[in-house]
Each structure stands twice: as structure tokens, then as C-alpha cells.
Amino acid sequence: MKPVMEENGDPVSSSDGTPYQEVEVPDEKSTRSLGAAIGRALCAGDIITLTGNLGSGKTVFAQGIARGLGVPESYDVTSPTYTLVNVYP
């Protein structure tokens, strides 16, 4: 992991001062596994935002998060691009 930096070299942080981190993963399997690990660590009320270019892996990552949260494989986790809210059981 590496910190996300502003153009001036300052770290990008959330409103509570937590620095943003950037993680590079080599393939879809790793992206889905990372998402699942994060999904297992989430608590009720946590909010996840995904940003990235088309084709950057947001859907695969969201699918991993959903599986980590216990959403069954039978539910189709769709692309979060252009979506305001997706609700899964």
C-alpha cells in the first residue's frame, strides 16, 4: 500500500484525517479477494465509495465486498458505475 498524494506532495486524507491508501492488485482474482477481505471487516453503517475509470475493476471489487459481507453467489452484483445505491441482502 502507498499513500495517495496531492499534486503538491501532501497526503490526501478523509475528513477525520485518516490518510487514503492506494493498493495495486495484479488480477481479477486478487481484486475480488481483497474486496472479500474488506467486506468481512466492515461493520453496520460503514460506507464504501469507489472511484476509477471504466474498466478499472470497481465491479469485481464490489463483488468481492458483497461476498465478504455474506451476499450469496446467487445474487448478481452489478456495476457500481452510475449507480447511486445498490441494496443487497
Protein backbone atom coordinates (compact mmCIF):
# COMPACT_ATOMS: atom_id res chain seq x y z
CA MET A 1 0.00 0.00 0.00
CA LYS A 2 1.08 3.53 -0.58
CA PRO A 3 -0.46 6.84 0.45
CA VAL A 4 -2.44 8.82 -2.11
CA MET A 5 -0.73 12.18 -2.63
CA GLU A 6 -1.89 15.61 -3.79
CA GLU A 7 -0.02 17.24 -6.67
CA ASN A 8 1.86 19.36 -4.11
CA GLY A 9 3.08 16.23 -2.30
CA ASP A 10 0.70 16.39 0.66
CA PRO A 11 -1.16 13.19 1.57
CA VAL A 12 -4.86 13.02 0.73
CA SER A 13 -6.93 12.42 3.86
CA SER A 14 -10.55 11.87 4.82
CA SER A 15 -12.45 14.43 6.89
CA ASP A 16 -11.29 12.72 10.10
CA GLY A 17 -7.65 12.89 9.00
CA THR A 18 -7.30 9.23 8.00
CA PRO A 19 -4.91 9.08 5.04
CA TYR A 20 -6.16 7.48 1.84
CA GLN A 21 -4.22 4.42 0.71
CA GLU A 22 -3.70 3.05 -2.78
CA VAL A 23 -3.41 -0.68 -3.36
CA GLU A 24 -2.43 -2.25 -6.66
CA VAL A 25 -3.55 -5.81 -7.35
CA PRO A 26 -2.38 -7.90 -10.31
CA ASP A 27 -5.58 -9.57 -11.48
CA GLU A 28 -9.33 -10.09 -11.01
CA LYS A 29 -8.89 -12.93 -8.53
CA SER A 30 -6.72 -10.76 -6.29
CA THR A 31 -9.12 -7.82 -6.65
CA ARG A 32 -12.08 -10.00 -5.65
CA SER A 33 -10.09 -11.49 -2.73
CA LEU A 34 -9.12 -8.03 -1.46
CA GLY A 35 -12.76 -6.94 -1.70
CA ALA A 36 -13.89 -10.03 0.23
CA ALA A 37 -11.35 -9.37 2.98
CA ILE A 38 -12.56 -5.79 3.29
CA GLY A 39 -16.18 -6.96 3.24
CA ARG A 40 -15.52 -9.30 6.16
CA ALA A 41 -14.04 -6.38 8.14
CA LEU A 42 -16.94 -3.96 7.55
CA CYS A 43 -19.45 -3.08 10.24
CA ALA A 44 -23.06 -1.91 10.01
CA GLY A 45 -23.12 1.73 8.91
CA ASP A 46 -19.74 1.69 7.16
CA ILE A 47 -19.72 3.47 3.81
CA ILE A 48 -17.56 2.47 0.86
CA THR A 49 -17.05 4.74 -2.14
CA LEU A 50 -15.49 3.50 -5.36
CA THR A 51 -13.89 5.75 -7.92
CA GLY A 52 -12.00 4.86 -11.05
CA ASN A 53 -12.04 4.80 -14.79
CA LEU A 54 -14.28 2.45 -16.73
CA GLY A 55 -12.70 -0.99 -16.66
CA SER A 56 -10.58 -0.30 -13.58
CA GLY A 57 -12.08 -3.17 -11.55
CA LYS A 58 -14.80 -1.49 -9.47
CA THR A 59 -17.38 -4.18 -10.26
CA VAL A 60 -15.04 -7.05 -9.41
CA PHE A 61 -14.04 -5.26 -6.20
CA ALA A 62 -17.72 -4.66 -5.29
CA GLN A 63 -18.46 -8.33 -5.96
CA GLY A 64 -15.70 -9.30 -3.56
CA ILE A 65 -17.01 -6.91 -0.89
CA ALA A 66 -20.50 -8.37 -1.31
CA ARG A 67 -19.25 -11.94 -0.93
CA GLY A 68 -17.24 -10.92 2.15
CA LEU A 69 -20.44 -9.48 3.63
CA GLY A 70 -22.21 -12.77 3.03
CA VAL A 71 -24.21 -11.89 -0.09
CA PRO A 72 -24.84 -15.26 -1.77
CA GLU A 73 -23.31 -16.10 -5.14
CA SER A 74 -26.88 -16.38 -6.47
CA TYR A 75 -27.21 -12.56 -6.29
CA ASP A 76 -25.84 -10.71 -9.28
CA VAL A 77 -23.68 -7.84 -8.02
CA THR A 78 -23.80 -5.28 -10.83
CA SER A 79 -21.54 -2.44 -11.88
CA PRO A 80 -21.46 0.44 -9.39
CA THR A 81 -20.73 2.93 -12.19
CA TYR A 82 -23.56 5.48 -12.50
CA THR A 83 -25.34 3.87 -9.54
CA LEU A 84 -26.44 5.92 -6.56
CA VAL A 85 -27.32 2.95 -4.31
CA ASN A 86 -27.36 -0.82 -4.69
CA VAL A 87 -29.08 -2.79 -1.95
CA TYR A 88 -28.21 -6.45 -1.37
CA PRO A 89 -29.50 -8.82 1.33
